[in-house]
Amino acid sequence: MSEQKFGHDPAIVLALKSLPRSCPYVMSGYTEEVYLGGLWHSSLIDRNLIDYFIPFLPLEYKHVKMCIRAEIQSRGNEIIETVVQKVADEMTFFPKEERIYSVKGCKTVQTKLDFY
């Protein structure tokens, strides 16, 4: 696929091509051809109204714990690592055995913290 056809930034295309094989997007066939998702059919692309489209990769376990700490702080509470660990353990990760990437990112952190 021509990088000029969709206005891809060569740096982004290079970054996508260099993703490790263990990355879920690579394992599922996620490539530069689909990284624009449904936007590549859009007039936003044709009219050059989008300068850069940066795909969001899934958050790792350590990033989710950072979200939990940030949410605790934003509520004005003291960060207690056992609570951070318990909330992180309740979240869903994949692959199930390794628990590397968060299925829902940090979307459910606020709700889960309400129980603590």
Protein backbone atom coordinates (compact mmCIF):
# COMPACT_ATOMS: atom_id res chain seq x y z
CA MET A 1 0.00 0.00 0.00
CA SER A 2 1.32 3.41 -0.88
CA GLU A 3 2.00 5.63 2.09
CA GLN A 4 1.16 8.66 -0.06
CA LYS A 5 -2.29 7.31 -0.93
CA PHE A 6 -3.65 7.83 2.58
CA GLY A 7 -1.26 10.55 3.65
CA HIS A 8 0.53 8.32 6.14
CA ASP A 9 3.36 9.81 8.05
CA PRO A 10 6.37 7.58 7.29
CA ALA A 11 7.37 7.70 10.97
CA ILE A 12 4.03 6.26 12.04
CA VAL A 13 4.15 3.58 9.36
CA LEU A 14 7.67 2.67 10.47
CA ALA A 15 6.52 2.52 14.10
CA LEU A 16 3.65 0.20 13.19
CA LYS A 17 5.95 -2.04 11.17
CA SER A 18 8.36 -2.29 14.11
CA LEU A 19 5.75 -3.45 16.65
CA PRO A 20 6.82 -6.66 18.33
CA ARG A 21 5.16 -9.85 17.09
CA SER A 22 3.73 -10.36 20.59
CA CYS A 23 1.69 -7.16 20.36
CA PRO A 24 -2.02 -8.03 20.07
CA TYR A 25 -2.42 -5.75 17.06
CA VAL A 26 0.30 -7.60 15.17
CA MET A 27 -1.03 -11.00 16.23
CA SER A 28 -4.50 -10.07 14.96
CA GLY A 29 -3.19 -8.89 11.60
CA TYR A 30 -3.23 -5.20 12.53
CA THR A 31 -1.13 -3.51 9.87
CA GLU A 32 -0.61 -0.12 8.29
CA GLU A 33 -3.43 -0.88 5.84
CA VAL A 34 -5.99 -0.87 8.63
CA TYR A 35 -4.48 1.50 11.14
CA LEU A 36 -6.81 4.30 10.07
CA GLY A 37 -9.79 2.12 10.89
CA GLY A 38 -12.97 3.46 9.32
CA LEU A 39 -11.43 6.89 8.83
CA TRP A 40 -9.64 6.02 5.62
CA HIS A 41 -13.01 6.05 3.84
CA SER A 42 -13.81 9.44 5.32
CA SER A 43 -13.78 12.82 3.62
CA LEU A 44 -11.71 14.00 6.60
CA ILE A 45 -8.77 12.14 5.05
CA ASP A 46 -9.54 13.20 1.46
CA ARG A 47 -9.68 16.86 2.48
CA ASN A 48 -6.49 16.59 4.56
CA LEU A 49 -8.34 17.73 7.70
CA ILE A 50 -6.48 15.20 9.82
CA ASP A 51 -2.76 15.80 10.05
CA TYR A 52 -1.86 12.68 12.03
CA PHE A 53 -3.77 9.63 13.13
CA ILE A 54 -2.07 7.88 16.01
CA PRO A 55 -3.46 4.49 16.98
CA PHE A 56 -3.86 3.79 20.66
CA LEU A 57 -2.19 0.67 21.85
CA PRO A 58 -3.57 -1.19 24.87
CA LEU A 59 -2.41 -0.20 28.32
CA GLU A 60 -0.15 -2.54 30.19
CA TYR A 61 -0.66 -3.70 33.78
CA LYS A 62 1.78 -1.09 35.13
CA HIS A 63 -0.10 1.70 33.29
CA VAL A 64 -3.41 0.62 34.81
CA LYS A 65 -1.83 0.78 38.25
CA MET A 66 -0.72 4.34 37.43
CA CYS A 67 -4.33 5.20 36.51
CA ILE A 68 -5.53 3.75 39.81
CA ARG A 69 -3.00 5.83 41.77
CA ALA A 70 -3.96 8.97 39.84
CA GLU A 71 -7.66 8.39 40.50
CA ILE A 72 -7.02 7.84 44.22
CA GLN A 73 -5.04 11.10 44.35
CA SER A 74 -7.72 13.00 42.43
CA ARG A 75 -10.20 11.94 45.11
CA GLY A 76 -7.91 13.41 47.76
CA ASN A 77 -7.13 10.05 49.33
CA GLU A 78 -3.85 8.56 50.41
CA ILE A 79 -2.43 5.98 48.02
CA ILE A 80 -2.42 2.56 49.64
CA GLU A 81 -0.55 0.04 47.51
CA THR A 82 -2.65 -2.91 48.69
CA VAL A 83 -5.77 -1.13 47.38
CA VAL A 84 -4.00 -0.34 44.11
CA GLN A 85 -3.04 -4.00 43.77
CA LYS A 86 -6.54 -5.26 44.61
CA VAL A 87 -8.20 -2.97 42.07
CA ALA A 88 -5.65 -3.89 39.40
CA ASP A 89 -6.19 -7.59 40.12
CA GLU A 90 -9.94 -7.18 39.57
CA MET A 91 -9.44 -5.77 36.08
CA THR A 92 -9.43 -7.91 32.94
CA PHE A 93 -6.17 -8.41 31.06
CA PHE A 94 -5.03 -10.44 28.06
CA PRO A 95 -3.55 -12.84 27.32
CA LYS A 96 -5.20 -14.36 30.36
CA GLU A 97 -2.12 -16.29 31.44
CA GLU A 98 0.34 -13.40 31.28
CA ARG A 99 -2.08 -10.51 32.08
CA ILE A 100 -0.07 -8.05 30.01
CA TYR A 101 -2.62 -5.75 28.33
CA SER A 102 -5.77 -4.26 29.81
CA VAL A 103 -8.98 -5.13 27.98
CA LYS A 104 -10.74 -1.88 28.93
CA GLY A 105 -7.79 0.37 29.67
CA CYS A 106 -8.59 2.55 32.66
CA LYS A 107 -12.29 2.95 31.90
CA THR A 108 -13.51 0.95 34.89
CA VAL A 109 -11.02 2.23 37.47
CA GLN A 110 -13.40 4.85 38.92
CA THR A 111 -16.20 2.34 39.38
CA LYS A 112 -13.96 -0.29 40.93
CA LEU A 113 -12.43 2.23 43.35
CA ASP A 114 -15.92 3.09 44.66
CA PHE A 115 -15.87 -0.27 46.44
CA TYR A 116 -12.75 0.57 48.44
